[in-house]
Protein backbone atom coordinates (compact mmCIF):
# COMPACT_ATOMS: atom_id res chain seq x y z
CA MET A 1 -19.35 3.66 12.68
CA ARG A 2 -15.71 4.35 13.45
CA LEU A 3 -12.81 3.28 11.24
CA ARG A 4 -9.10 3.47 12.01
CA VAL A 5 -7.39 4.39 8.75
CA ASN A 6 -3.68 5.18 8.56
CA ASN A 7 -3.50 5.41 12.36
CA ARG A 8 -6.34 7.93 12.55
CA ASP A 9 -9.82 7.31 13.90
CA THR A 10 -12.63 8.64 11.76
CA ASP A 11 -16.40 8.30 11.71
CA VAL A 12 -18.11 7.14 8.53
CA ARG A 13 -21.67 6.34 7.50
CA PRO A 14 -21.52 3.53 4.96
CA GLY A 15 -24.63 2.54 3.10
CA ALA A 16 -25.92 -1.01 3.38
CA GLY A 17 -23.50 -3.29 1.59
CA GLU A 18 -21.06 -0.46 0.85
CA ARG A 19 -17.58 -1.62 -0.10
CA LEU A 20 -14.50 -0.31 1.67
CA LEU A 21 -13.13 1.17 -1.56
CA ALA A 22 -16.23 3.38 -1.93
CA THR A 23 -15.98 4.52 1.69
CA LEU A 24 -12.28 5.34 1.33
CA HIS A 25 -12.93 7.35 -1.85
CA ASP A 26 -16.27 9.00 -1.17
CA GLN A 27 -16.18 9.68 2.56
CA LEU A 28 -12.49 9.83 3.47
CA HIS A 29 -11.20 11.24 0.14
CA LEU A 30 -8.40 8.66 0.07
CA THR A 31 -8.22 7.93 -3.62
CA GLY A 32 -4.92 6.03 -3.81
CA ALA A 33 -6.51 2.59 -3.98
CA LYS A 34 -8.07 2.26 -7.42
CA PHE A 35 -11.12 0.54 -8.81
CA GLY A 36 -9.96 -2.01 -11.35
CA CYS A 37 -11.96 -5.16 -11.80
CA GLY A 38 -14.41 -4.90 -8.91
CA GLN A 39 -13.93 -8.62 -8.24
CA GLY A 40 -10.74 -8.80 -6.18
CA GLU A 41 -8.68 -10.10 -9.08
CA CYS A 42 -6.42 -7.24 -10.22
CA GLY A 43 -5.03 -5.81 -6.97
CA ALA A 44 -5.50 -2.13 -7.88
CA CYS A 45 -7.57 -1.62 -4.71
CA THR A 46 -5.22 -3.44 -2.32
CA VAL A 47 -5.02 -2.13 1.25
CA LEU A 48 -3.90 -3.69 4.51
CA VAL A 49 -6.53 -4.62 7.08
CA ASP A 50 -4.89 -5.56 10.37
CA GLY A 51 -1.74 -6.35 8.40
CA ARG A 52 -3.45 -8.63 5.87
CA LEU A 53 -3.62 -7.88 2.17
CA THR A 54 -7.22 -7.03 1.39
CA TYR A 55 -9.05 -6.10 -1.79
CA ALA A 56 -11.08 -3.02 -0.84
CA CYS A 57 -13.41 -3.47 -3.81
CA ILE A 58 -14.92 -6.64 -2.35
CA THR A 59 -14.61 -5.93 1.37
CA LEU A 60 -17.66 -4.58 3.19
CA THR A 61 -16.96 -1.41 5.15
CA GLU A 62 -19.02 -2.68 8.07
CA ALA A 63 -16.60 -5.61 8.42
CA CYS A 64 -13.74 -3.16 9.07
CA GLU A 65 -14.91 -1.63 12.32
CA GLY A 66 -12.28 -1.97 15.03
CA VAL A 67 -9.40 -2.90 12.71
CA GLN A 68 -6.40 -0.96 11.41
CA ILE A 69 -6.64 -0.09 7.72
CA THR A 70 -3.52 1.07 5.89
CA THR A 71 -3.80 2.68 2.48
CA VAL A 72 -1.02 3.90 0.20
CA GLU A 73 -1.60 7.39 1.63
CA GLY A 74 -0.42 6.06 5.00
CA LEU A 75 2.70 4.37 3.66
CA ALA A 76 5.14 7.18 4.47
CA GLY A 77 3.45 8.09 7.74
CA ASP A 78 3.37 11.72 6.55
CA PRO A 79 -0.11 13.25 6.68
CA SER A 80 1.00 16.09 4.38
CA GLY A 81 1.96 13.59 1.67
CA GLU A 82 5.18 15.51 1.03
CA LYS A 83 7.58 12.78 2.15
CA LEU A 84 7.91 9.48 0.36
CA ALA A 85 8.69 6.20 2.07
CA PRO A 86 11.86 4.41 0.92
CA LEU A 87 9.72 1.90 -1.00
CA GLN A 88 7.97 4.73 -2.84
CA ARG A 89 11.31 6.37 -3.66
CA ALA A 90 12.56 3.05 -5.05
CA PHE A 91 9.50 2.77 -7.32
CA VAL A 92 10.26 6.26 -8.63
CA ALA A 93 14.00 5.62 -9.07
CA TYR A 94 13.47 2.31 -10.86
CA ASP A 95 10.62 3.69 -12.99
CA ALA A 96 8.38 0.94 -11.64
CA ALA A 97 5.23 2.90 -12.42
CA GLN A 98 4.47 3.44 -16.06
CA CYS A 99 0.86 4.61 -16.13
CA GLY A 100 0.72 4.45 -12.32
CA TYR A 101 -2.78 3.04 -12.00
CA CYS A 102 -1.70 -0.19 -10.30
CA THR A 103 1.09 1.45 -8.27
CA PRO A 104 -0.82 2.02 -5.00
CA GLY A 105 -1.80 -1.65 -4.83
CA GLN A 106 1.70 -2.72 -5.88
CA LEU A 107 3.23 -0.59 -3.09
CA ILE A 108 0.92 -2.01 -0.43
CA SER A 109 1.65 -5.57 -1.56
CA ALA A 110 5.40 -4.86 -1.63
CA LEU A 111 5.21 -3.39 1.88
CA HIS A 112 3.41 -6.51 3.08
CA LEU A 113 6.00 -8.72 1.42
CA LEU A 114 8.97 -6.83 2.90
CA ASP A 115 7.39 -6.88 6.36
CA ARG A 116 7.16 -10.68 6.12
CA ARG A 117 10.39 -11.28 4.20
CA PRO A 118 12.94 -8.48 4.63
CA ASP A 119 15.31 -10.05 2.08
CA PRO A 120 13.08 -11.84 -0.44
CA THR A 121 14.37 -13.84 -3.38
CA GLU A 122 13.11 -12.98 -6.85
CA ALA A 123 10.81 -16.01 -6.69
CA GLU A 124 9.39 -14.83 -3.36
CA ILE A 125 8.82 -11.36 -4.81
CA ARG A 126 7.02 -12.82 -7.82
CA GLU A 127 4.84 -14.94 -5.54
CA GLY A 128 4.22 -12.09 -3.09
CA MET A 129 3.21 -9.73 -5.87
CA SER A 130 1.12 -12.26 -7.80
CA GLY A 131 -2.16 -10.69 -6.70
CA ASN A 132 -1.35 -7.44 -8.50
CA LEU A 133 -1.69 -6.99 -12.24
CA CYS A 134 0.17 -4.35 -14.23
CA ARG A 135 -1.26 -3.72 -17.69
CA CYS A 136 1.91 -1.83 -18.69
CA GLY A 137 4.09 -4.84 -17.90
CA THR A 138 6.60 -3.11 -15.61
CA TYR A 139 7.10 -6.28 -13.58
CA PRO A 140 10.92 -6.37 -13.99
CA LYS A 141 11.15 -2.77 -12.72
CA ILE A 142 8.80 -3.51 -9.81
CA ILE A 143 10.95 -6.49 -8.84
CA ALA A 144 14.11 -4.38 -9.09
CA ALA A 145 12.60 -1.65 -6.91
CA ILE A 146 11.61 -4.16 -4.24
CA GLN A 147 15.05 -5.76 -4.33
CA ALA A 148 16.72 -2.35 -3.99
CA THR A 149 14.51 -1.48 -1.05
CA ALA A 150 15.33 -4.81 0.61
CA ARG A 151 19.04 -4.09 0.13
CA GLY A 152 18.57 -0.81 1.98
CA GLU A 153 19.36 1.45 -0.97
CA PHE A 154 16.52 3.79 -0.05
CA ARG A 155 16.80 3.60 3.72
CA GLU A 156 16.19 6.87 5.52
CA VAL A 157 19.08 8.19 7.51
CA ALA A 158 17.01 10.11 10.06
CA THR A 159 13.73 11.93 10.41
CA ASP A 160 13.11 15.30 12.04
CA ALA A 161 12.24 13.52 15.28
CA GLY A 162 15.62 11.79 15.25
CA SER A 163 14.30 8.31 14.61
CA THR A 164 15.29 6.24 11.61
CA SER A 165 13.08 4.39 9.17
CA ASP A 166 13.34 0.79 7.99
CA ALA A 167 13.21 -0.33 4.37
CA SER A 168 9.45 -0.01 4.19
CA GLY A 169 9.43 3.47 5.69
CA ARG A 170 8.20 2.62 9.15
CA ALA A 171 9.81 4.58 11.97
CA SER A 172 12.01 2.64 14.34
């Protein structure tokens, strides 16, 4: 079957009942999304499927044919992984990742939130991020990083192609 992951088409052969997280890890070598609870409760495996927050640990790969999947590896739009999106830079600057295990899911959820609410209140951030657990308790730093990104503190000035990026890192 064919999947579209991070704007690239790729062929995969999932086993019967294989979860998207396993396919991303084992066949596509995209290991950003993490296995946490295996029940869609912790958010460590969060990806976007056609723009919707999705827990990859409980989503069947076969249900993802013909949709756009975005993982944390696709956040900056840089296949080399050398450039960070503004949101990623904010997480680094605000020390929003302590152990880092939940960070990929946190970033995807924050991207989704900022796409829907470019200038969220603290309450909206808390609600938007409520599906992601952080065992280290860096919630105040995560909130601060999202607020800074929304304020444009980490906005890109220009890319090599001459386009600019918005707060989430998407080219405009």
